[in-house]
Protein backbone atom coordinates (compact mmCIF):
# COMPACT_ATOMS: atom_id res chain seq x y z
CA UNK A 1 -125.93 -67.19 0.89
CA UNK A 2 -125.21 -70.92 0.60
CA UNK A 3 -127.59 -73.50 -0.72
CA UNK A 4 -129.89 -75.20 1.77
CA UNK A 5 -129.39 -78.81 0.68
CA UNK A 6 -132.26 -81.15 -0.21
CA UNK A 7 -134.99 -78.60 0.27
CA UNK A 8 -137.63 -78.29 -2.42
CA UNK A 9 -140.12 -75.45 -2.76
CA UNK A 10 -143.48 -76.45 -4.24
CA UNK A 11 -146.09 -73.92 -5.31
CA UNK A 12 -149.69 -75.17 -5.39
CA UNK A 13 -151.28 -73.09 -8.13
CA UNK A 14 -154.61 -71.48 -7.34
CA UNK A 15 -156.00 -72.91 -10.58
CA UNK A 16 -155.28 -76.42 -9.24
CA UNK A 17 -156.51 -76.19 -5.66
CA UNK A 18 -159.60 -74.11 -6.57
CA UNK A 19 -161.89 -73.59 -9.55
CA UNK A 20 -161.09 -70.08 -10.74
CA UNK A 21 -164.28 -69.96 -12.80
CA UNK A 22 -166.44 -70.12 -9.67
CA UNK A 23 -165.79 -67.90 -6.63
CA UNK A 24 -164.83 -69.66 -3.40
CA UNK A 25 -164.77 -73.11 -5.04
CA UNK A 26 -162.39 -75.57 -3.41
CA UNK A 27 -160.85 -78.56 -5.21
CA UNK A 28 -160.23 -80.79 -2.23
CA UNK A 29 -159.40 -83.84 -4.36
CA UNK A 30 -156.55 -81.92 -5.98
CA UNK A 31 -155.27 -80.64 -2.63
CA UNK A 32 -155.28 -84.17 -1.20
CA UNK A 33 -153.53 -85.55 -4.27
CA UNK A 34 -150.76 -82.95 -3.95
CA UNK A 35 -150.38 -83.64 -0.23
CA UNK A 36 -150.28 -87.39 -0.80
CA UNK A 37 -147.62 -87.02 -3.49
CA UNK A 38 -145.42 -84.78 -1.34
CA UNK A 39 -145.67 -87.30 1.49
CA UNK A 40 -144.20 -89.95 -0.83
CA UNK A 41 -140.93 -88.01 -1.20
CA UNK A 42 -138.28 -87.87 1.50
CA UNK A 43 -136.97 -84.34 0.92
CA UNK A 44 -137.74 -81.41 3.17
CA UNK A 45 -140.51 -79.33 1.60
CA UNK A 46 -141.54 -75.72 1.69
CA UNK A 47 -145.03 -75.17 0.34
CA UNK A 48 -146.51 -72.03 -1.16
CA UNK A 49 -150.09 -71.82 -2.36
CA UNK A 50 -151.96 -69.36 -4.50
CA UNK A 51 -155.29 -67.67 -3.87
CA UNK A 52 -157.31 -69.05 -6.76
CA UNK A 53 -161.01 -68.33 -6.55
CA UNK A 54 -160.66 -67.33 -2.89
CA UNK A 55 -158.12 -64.51 -2.55
CA UNK A 56 -158.24 -63.42 -6.19
CA UNK A 57 -162.02 -63.09 -6.10
CA UNK A 58 -162.07 -60.60 -3.22
CA UNK A 59 -158.86 -58.87 -4.34
CA UNK A 60 -160.47 -58.19 -7.71
CA UNK A 61 -163.54 -56.70 -6.00
CA UNK A 62 -161.23 -54.53 -3.90
CA UNK A 63 -159.15 -53.44 -6.88
CA UNK A 64 -156.04 -54.84 -5.20
CA UNK A 65 -153.06 -56.14 -7.16
CA UNK A 66 -149.28 -56.27 -6.82
CA UNK A 67 -149.00 -52.47 -6.95
CA UNK A 68 -149.52 -50.32 -3.87
CA UNK A 69 -153.11 -49.08 -3.61
CA UNK A 70 -153.68 -45.97 -1.52
CA UNK A 71 -157.48 -45.84 -1.80
CA UNK A 72 -159.24 -48.99 -0.69
CA UNK A 73 -162.28 -50.31 1.18
CA UNK A 74 -161.21 -51.66 4.55
CA UNK A 75 -163.85 -54.40 4.59
CA UNK A 76 -162.65 -55.76 1.22
CA UNK A 77 -159.07 -55.90 2.46
CA UNK A 78 -160.37 -57.84 5.47
CA UNK A 79 -162.41 -60.21 3.27
CA UNK A 80 -159.45 -60.85 0.97
CA UNK A 81 -157.24 -61.84 3.88
CA UNK A 82 -160.03 -63.84 5.53
CA UNK A 83 -160.57 -65.86 2.35
CA UNK A 84 -156.86 -66.68 2.14
CA UNK A 85 -156.79 -67.89 5.73
CA UNK A 86 -159.85 -70.02 4.96
CA UNK A 87 -158.16 -71.58 1.92
CA UNK A 88 -154.96 -72.07 3.89
CA UNK A 89 -156.86 -73.95 6.59
CA UNK A 90 -158.01 -76.51 4.00
CA UNK A 91 -154.46 -76.91 2.69
CA UNK A 92 -153.14 -77.32 6.25
CA UNK A 93 -155.79 -79.93 7.08
CA UNK A 94 -154.82 -81.94 4.02
CA UNK A 95 -151.05 -81.71 4.59
CA UNK A 96 -151.57 -82.70 8.23
CA UNK A 97 -153.62 -85.74 7.28
CA UNK A 98 -150.66 -87.01 5.23
CA UNK A 99 -148.11 -86.42 8.00
CA UNK A 100 -146.31 -83.40 6.56
CA UNK A 101 -146.35 -81.29 9.77
CA UNK A 102 -147.31 -77.97 8.14
CA UNK A 103 -146.55 -74.65 9.81
CA UNK A 104 -148.12 -71.57 8.23
CA UNK A 105 -146.10 -68.35 8.02
CA UNK A 106 -147.96 -65.24 6.86
CA UNK A 107 -145.93 -62.60 4.99
CA UNK A 108 -147.86 -59.77 6.66
CA UNK A 109 -145.24 -59.21 9.37
CA UNK A 110 -141.99 -59.94 7.53
CA UNK A 111 -139.08 -57.64 8.28
CA UNK A 112 -137.51 -55.98 5.26
CA UNK A 113 -134.25 -57.95 5.14
CA UNK A 114 -136.00 -61.30 5.80
CA UNK A 115 -133.29 -62.26 8.32
CA UNK A 116 -135.76 -63.39 10.96
CA UNK A 117 -137.74 -65.28 8.33
CA UNK A 118 -134.74 -67.32 7.18
CA UNK A 119 -133.87 -68.25 10.76
CA UNK A 120 -137.45 -69.35 11.40
CA UNK A 121 -137.60 -71.46 8.22
CA UNK A 122 -134.31 -73.21 8.98
CA UNK A 123 -135.43 -73.90 12.54
CA UNK A 124 -138.73 -75.36 11.36
CA UNK A 125 -137.07 -77.54 8.72
CA UNK A 126 -134.56 -78.86 11.26
CA UNK A 127 -137.46 -79.91 13.50
CA UNK A 128 -139.29 -81.74 10.68
CA UNK A 129 -141.93 -79.09 10.01
CA UNK A 130 -143.02 -78.12 6.50
CA UNK A 131 -143.26 -74.30 6.30
CA UNK A 132 -146.34 -73.15 4.39
CA UNK A 133 -146.79 -69.73 2.79
CA UNK A 134 -149.58 -68.08 0.82
CA UNK A 135 -150.17 -64.89 -1.10
CA UNK A 136 -151.51 -62.17 1.18
CA UNK A 137 -152.51 -58.52 1.43
CA UNK A 138 -149.54 -56.68 2.91
CA UNK A 139 -148.96 -53.06 3.96
CA UNK A 140 -147.07 -50.76 1.62
CA UNK A 141 -146.28 -47.07 1.91
CA UNK A 142 -149.66 -45.45 2.48
CA UNK A 143 -151.79 -48.43 1.57
CA UNK A 144 -151.93 -52.13 0.75
CA UNK A 145 -150.91 -54.45 -2.04
CA UNK A 146 -150.88 -58.14 -2.90
CA UNK A 147 -147.70 -60.09 -2.26
CA UNK A 148 -148.37 -63.03 -4.56
CA UNK A 149 -147.43 -66.65 -4.02
CA UNK A 150 -145.14 -66.40 -7.05
CA UNK A 151 -143.32 -63.41 -5.53
CA UNK A 152 -143.00 -65.31 -2.27
CA UNK A 153 -141.56 -68.28 -4.18
CA UNK A 154 -138.86 -66.04 -5.65
CA UNK A 155 -138.06 -64.48 -2.26
CA UNK A 156 -137.70 -67.96 -0.73
CA UNK A 157 -135.52 -69.20 -3.60
CA UNK A 158 -133.26 -66.17 -3.31
CA UNK A 159 -133.00 -66.69 0.43
CA UNK A 160 -132.58 -70.47 0.59
CA UNK A 161 -131.25 -71.58 -2.83
CA UNK A 162 -133.32 -74.80 -2.74
CA UNK A 163 -132.60 -77.91 -4.81
CA UNK A 164 -135.63 -77.24 -6.99
CA UNK A 165 -138.63 -74.96 -7.42
CA UNK A 166 -141.77 -76.66 -8.69
CA UNK A 167 -144.86 -74.83 -9.96
CA UNK A 168 -147.97 -77.04 -9.98
CA UNK A 169 -150.27 -75.62 -12.64
CA UNK A 170 -153.49 -76.76 -14.32
CA UNK A 171 -151.94 -77.84 -17.66
CA UNK A 172 -149.07 -80.13 -18.68
CA UNK A 173 -146.42 -77.40 -18.78
CA UNK A 174 -145.58 -74.33 -20.83
CA UNK A 175 -146.79 -74.39 -24.43
CA UNK A 176 -145.66 -72.31 -27.37
CA UNK A 177 -149.22 -71.08 -27.98
CA UNK A 178 -152.28 -70.37 -25.80
CA UNK A 179 -154.23 -73.10 -27.62
CA UNK A 180 -152.14 -75.73 -25.80
CA UNK A 181 -151.54 -77.58 -29.06
CA UNK A 182 -149.01 -80.41 -29.28
CA UNK A 183 -146.65 -81.20 -26.43
CA UNK A 184 -145.41 -78.75 -23.82
CA UNK A 185 -141.94 -77.26 -24.17
CA UNK A 186 -139.64 -79.79 -22.47
CA UNK A 187 -136.84 -77.40 -21.61
CA UNK A 188 -137.51 -73.69 -21.70
CA UNK A 189 -134.59 -71.58 -22.83
CA UNK A 190 -134.76 -68.14 -21.17
CA UNK A 191 -134.43 -66.60 -24.64
CA UNK A 192 -137.81 -68.14 -25.53
CA UNK A 193 -139.70 -66.38 -22.74
CA UNK A 194 -140.49 -63.24 -24.74
CA UNK A 195 -142.02 -65.34 -27.56
CA UNK A 196 -144.51 -67.19 -25.39
CA UNK A 197 -148.15 -66.10 -25.42
CA UNK A 198 -150.33 -67.59 -22.72
CA UNK A 199 -154.04 -67.83 -22.02
CA UNK A 200 -154.87 -66.15 -18.72
CA UNK A 201 -157.62 -66.54 -16.16
CA UNK A 202 -159.68 -63.36 -16.08
CA UNK A 203 -159.93 -63.50 -12.28
CA UNK A 204 -156.13 -63.48 -11.77
CA UNK A 205 -154.98 -60.17 -10.23
CA UNK A 206 -151.27 -60.98 -9.86
CA UNK A 207 -150.11 -61.24 -13.46
CA UNK A 208 -150.98 -64.82 -14.37
CA UNK A 209 -148.89 -67.37 -16.25
CA UNK A 210 -146.68 -64.95 -18.17
CA UNK A 211 -145.54 -63.29 -14.95
CA UNK A 212 -145.00 -66.75 -13.46
CA UNK A 213 -142.66 -67.60 -16.34
CA UNK A 214 -140.74 -64.37 -15.84
CA UNK A 215 -140.36 -65.13 -12.13
CA UNK A 216 -139.18 -68.64 -13.04
CA UNK A 217 -136.50 -67.05 -15.20
CA UNK A 218 -135.36 -64.91 -12.26
CA UNK A 219 -135.26 -68.04 -10.08
CA UNK A 220 -133.20 -69.94 -12.67
CA UNK A 221 -130.63 -67.13 -12.58
CA UNK A 222 -130.13 -68.00 -8.90
CA UNK A 223 -128.90 -71.43 -10.00
CA UNK A 224 -132.17 -73.16 -9.09
CA UNK A 225 -133.87 -75.61 -11.47
CA UNK A 226 -137.51 -74.69 -12.07
CA UNK A 227 -140.22 -77.16 -13.10
CA UNK A 228 -143.75 -76.52 -14.37
CA UNK A 229 -145.91 -79.64 -13.97
CA UNK A 230 -149.57 -80.52 -14.06
CA UNK A 231 -150.76 -80.44 -10.46
CA UNK A 232 -153.47 -82.95 -11.29
CA UNK A 233 -150.93 -85.62 -12.32
CA UNK A 234 -149.11 -87.39 -9.51
CA UNK A 235 -146.40 -88.94 -11.71
CA UNK A 236 -145.43 -85.56 -13.16
CA UNK A 237 -144.96 -84.06 -9.70
CA UNK A 238 -143.02 -87.10 -8.44
CA UNK A 239 -140.57 -86.88 -11.33
CA UNK A 240 -140.07 -83.17 -10.70
CA UNK A 241 -139.48 -83.83 -7.00
CA UNK A 242 -136.69 -86.18 -8.10
CA UNK A 243 -135.32 -83.58 -10.51
CA UNK A 244 -136.20 -85.76 -13.50
CA UNK A 245 -137.77 -84.90 -16.82
CA UNK A 246 -141.36 -86.04 -17.18
CA UNK A 247 -144.42 -84.48 -18.75
CA UNK A 248 -143.87 -80.81 -18.06
CA UNK A 249 -141.44 -77.97 -18.64
CA UNK A 250 -138.07 -77.40 -17.03
CA UNK A 251 -135.98 -74.24 -16.88
CA UNK A 252 -132.51 -75.24 -15.72
CA UNK A 253 -130.70 -73.09 -13.22
CA UNK A 254 -127.76 -71.05 -14.43
CA UNK A 255 -124.76 -72.03 -12.31
C-alpha cells in the first residue's frame, strides 16, 4: 500500500486525558490543550485515544485484556464499552470546539481485511473530517477481548503509512530507567528496546509502556517515524507534528 501523504496519527494516552490513579477521572484541561495544539497544525489528523481510568477501570474488574476471554460477566463488558463511549464523547466535544471535525469510528464492527475501513478513512479525510478511534471491547472466537488504542495505532499505520505516528504520554519521553532520571532518550535505536525498564500504571490492562515501545518498533519497521512526547506540553507536540526533534523520544522509520 502507498503512503497517504501529510496524514499524522496522534494517540492521546489514557494517562494524559484521565487520572489513572482515580477511577473515572477526566482531565479536561489536558484534552483541550491537545485539541488546541492539533488545531494549530495544518496536516490531516487521525486521532486515537486510550481508555485511562475509564475503560481500563471496568476492564480490570471484568478481567478483560488483549487476550480472548471466554468466561465473562455480560454487565461488565457493557460497562467497559459504556465508559469508553463516555470518554470519547468528552474528546469529541473538545475536538469539535477547536474546529477539528471529529468523526468517531468504533473497531467493534471492523471487517477482517480492513478494506472497508481504509475506504471510509480516506473518504473522511478528503472531506475534512478527523477520524477518531478508541480502544474497545471486541468479539473474538467464543468471547471478548480488548483491542487497545496502541494496537489500533499500529493497524492504522500499517494501512495508511502516515507521515508520522505520535504517542502523547504523561512524561517527557522514553527514559533508560523507571526513575525518569536525567533526560529522555532523544533517538531510540530499536536495539535498545530490550534494555528499557519502565514504570507501569497498575490499572493498565493492555500492556503499558513497554508494550507501547514494542508497537512503536513495529510501526518504525513500516517506514513511519514514531515520536513519544509529553501530552501536557504544547511545544513538544507541535515539534513532533512538524517532524522535528524537541523534548521527547523519536524512533525513526526504517525505509
